[in-house]
Amino acid sequence: MEIVTLQPIVALIAGILILVMPRVLNYIVAFYLIFIGLVGLFPDLFTRIAGGG
């Protein structure tokens, strides 16, 4: 799966979780920012894990 399509899916899931469980907002935002930072720093890491070669 391409990173370009993965980021909106993660953002959508995070938004839904924030609506359902607003008390965990800090954790959701923190994990989202860490994920986006890792994707930005190591774009090939997630494509290799997903089997993209």
N, C-alpha and C. Protein backbone atom coordinates (compact mmCIF):
# COMPACT_ATOMS: atom_id res chain seq x y z
N MET A 1 0.85 -1.18 0.00
CA MET A 1 0.00 0.00 0.00
C MET A 1 0.89 1.24 0.00
N GLU A 2 0.55 2.18 -0.82
CA GLU A 2 1.34 3.40 -0.93
C GLU A 2 1.16 4.26 0.32
N ILE A 3 2.21 4.99 0.68
CA ILE A 3 2.16 5.89 1.82
C ILE A 3 1.12 6.99 1.60
N VAL A 4 0.96 7.41 0.35
CA VAL A 4 0.01 8.47 0.03
C VAL A 4 -1.42 8.04 0.39
N THR A 5 -1.75 6.78 0.22
CA THR A 5 -3.08 6.31 0.58
C THR A 5 -3.16 5.88 2.03
N LEU A 6 -2.04 5.60 2.65
CA LEU A 6 -2.03 5.16 4.04
C LEU A 6 -2.29 6.30 5.01
N GLN A 7 -1.75 7.48 4.75
CA GLN A 7 -1.90 8.60 5.67
C GLN A 7 -3.34 9.06 5.83
N PRO A 8 -4.14 9.20 4.76
CA PRO A 8 -5.54 9.57 4.97
C PRO A 8 -6.34 8.51 5.73
N ILE A 9 -6.01 7.24 5.53
CA ILE A 9 -6.71 6.18 6.26
C ILE A 9 -6.41 6.29 7.75
N VAL A 10 -5.14 6.53 8.10
CA VAL A 10 -4.76 6.69 9.51
C VAL A 10 -5.44 7.92 10.10
N ALA A 11 -5.50 9.01 9.34
CA ALA A 11 -6.16 10.23 9.81
C ALA A 11 -7.65 9.99 10.03
N LEU A 12 -8.29 9.26 9.15
CA LEU A 12 -9.71 8.96 9.28
C LEU A 12 -9.97 8.11 10.53
N ILE A 13 -9.16 7.09 10.74
CA ILE A 13 -9.32 6.25 11.93
C ILE A 13 -9.09 7.07 13.20
N ALA A 14 -8.07 7.93 13.19
CA ALA A 14 -7.81 8.76 14.36
C ALA A 14 -8.98 9.70 14.63
N GLY A 15 -9.55 10.29 13.58
CA GLY A 15 -10.70 11.18 13.76
C GLY A 15 -11.90 10.46 14.33
N ILE A 16 -12.15 9.26 13.86
CA ILE A 16 -13.28 8.48 14.38
C ILE A 16 -13.05 8.12 15.85
N LEU A 17 -11.83 7.73 16.18
CA LEU A 17 -11.52 7.39 17.58
C LEU A 17 -11.67 8.61 18.49
N ILE A 18 -11.30 9.78 18.00
CA ILE A 18 -11.45 11.00 18.80
C ILE A 18 -12.93 11.30 19.04
N LEU A 19 -13.76 11.09 18.02
CA LEU A 19 -15.20 11.32 18.20
C LEU A 19 -15.80 10.31 19.18
N VAL A 20 -15.38 9.07 19.09
CA VAL A 20 -15.95 8.03 19.94
C VAL A 20 -15.42 8.11 21.37
N MET A 21 -14.12 8.36 21.50
CA MET A 21 -13.48 8.37 22.83
C MET A 21 -12.67 9.65 23.00
N PRO A 22 -13.32 10.78 23.30
CA PRO A 22 -12.57 12.05 23.38
C PRO A 22 -11.54 12.10 24.51
N ARG A 23 -11.65 11.23 25.50
CA ARG A 23 -10.67 11.24 26.60
C ARG A 23 -9.29 10.77 26.16
N VAL A 24 -9.20 10.03 25.07
CA VAL A 24 -7.90 9.54 24.62
C VAL A 24 -7.31 10.42 23.52
N LEU A 25 -7.79 11.65 23.42
CA LEU A 25 -7.34 12.58 22.38
C LEU A 25 -5.82 12.75 22.39
N ASN A 26 -5.24 12.94 23.55
CA ASN A 26 -3.78 13.15 23.63
C ASN A 26 -3.01 11.97 23.06
N TYR A 27 -3.45 10.75 23.39
CA TYR A 27 -2.75 9.56 22.91
C TYR A 27 -2.91 9.38 21.41
N ILE A 28 -4.11 9.63 20.91
CA ILE A 28 -4.36 9.47 19.48
C ILE A 28 -3.51 10.46 18.68
N VAL A 29 -3.49 11.70 19.13
CA VAL A 29 -2.69 12.72 18.44
C VAL A 29 -1.21 12.38 18.51
N ALA A 30 -0.76 11.93 19.67
CA ALA A 30 0.66 11.58 19.82
C ALA A 30 1.05 10.44 18.90
N PHE A 31 0.24 9.36 18.87
CA PHE A 31 0.56 8.23 18.00
C PHE A 31 0.49 8.63 16.53
N TYR A 32 -0.47 9.47 16.18
CA TYR A 32 -0.60 9.92 14.79
C TYR A 32 0.64 10.72 14.38
N LEU A 33 1.07 11.63 15.22
CA LEU A 33 2.25 12.44 14.89
C LEU A 33 3.51 11.59 14.80
N ILE A 34 3.65 10.61 15.69
CA ILE A 34 4.80 9.72 15.63
C ILE A 34 4.78 8.92 14.34
N PHE A 35 3.60 8.41 13.97
CA PHE A 35 3.47 7.63 12.74
C PHE A 35 3.82 8.47 11.51
N ILE A 36 3.28 9.67 11.43
CA ILE A 36 3.54 10.54 10.28
C ILE A 36 5.02 10.93 10.24
N GLY A 37 5.61 11.15 11.41
CA GLY A 37 7.04 11.46 11.45
C GLY A 37 7.90 10.31 10.96
N LEU A 38 7.56 9.09 11.38
CA LEU A 38 8.31 7.92 10.91
C LEU A 38 8.13 7.71 9.41
N VAL A 39 6.93 7.91 8.92
CA VAL A 39 6.69 7.77 7.48
C VAL A 39 7.50 8.81 6.70
N GLY A 40 7.59 10.01 7.25
CA GLY A 40 8.37 11.05 6.58
C GLY A 40 9.87 10.78 6.61
N LEU A 41 10.36 10.25 7.71
CA LEU A 41 11.79 9.99 7.83
C LEU A 41 12.23 8.72 7.10
N PHE A 42 11.39 7.70 7.17
CA PHE A 42 11.74 6.40 6.59
C PHE A 42 10.63 5.92 5.65
N PRO A 43 10.45 6.54 4.51
CA PRO A 43 9.33 6.15 3.63
C PRO A 43 9.44 4.72 3.11
N ASP A 44 10.65 4.21 2.96
CA ASP A 44 10.81 2.85 2.44
C ASP A 44 10.54 1.79 3.49
N LEU A 45 10.60 2.17 4.76
CA LEU A 45 10.41 1.20 5.83
C LEU A 45 9.02 0.56 5.76
N PHE A 46 8.00 1.37 5.58
CA PHE A 46 6.64 0.85 5.60
C PHE A 46 6.29 0.13 4.28
N THR A 47 6.91 0.49 3.19
CA THR A 47 6.64 -0.23 1.96
C THR A 47 7.31 -1.60 1.99
N ARG A 48 8.47 -1.71 2.65
CA ARG A 48 9.12 -3.01 2.77
C ARG A 48 8.34 -3.93 3.71
N ILE A 49 7.82 -3.36 4.80
CA ILE A 49 7.04 -4.17 5.74
C ILE A 49 5.77 -4.67 5.08
N ALA A 50 5.15 -3.84 4.24
CA ALA A 50 3.90 -4.22 3.57
C ALA A 50 4.14 -5.17 2.41
N GLY A 51 5.39 -5.46 2.10
CA GLY A 51 5.69 -6.40 1.03
C GLY A 51 5.85 -5.74 -0.32
N GLY A 52 6.08 -4.43 -0.32
CA GLY A 52 6.22 -3.70 -1.58
C GLY A 52 7.58 -3.87 -2.23
N GLY A 53 8.49 -4.52 -1.55
CA GLY A 53 9.76 -4.83 -2.17
C GLY A 53 10.85 -3.90 -1.82
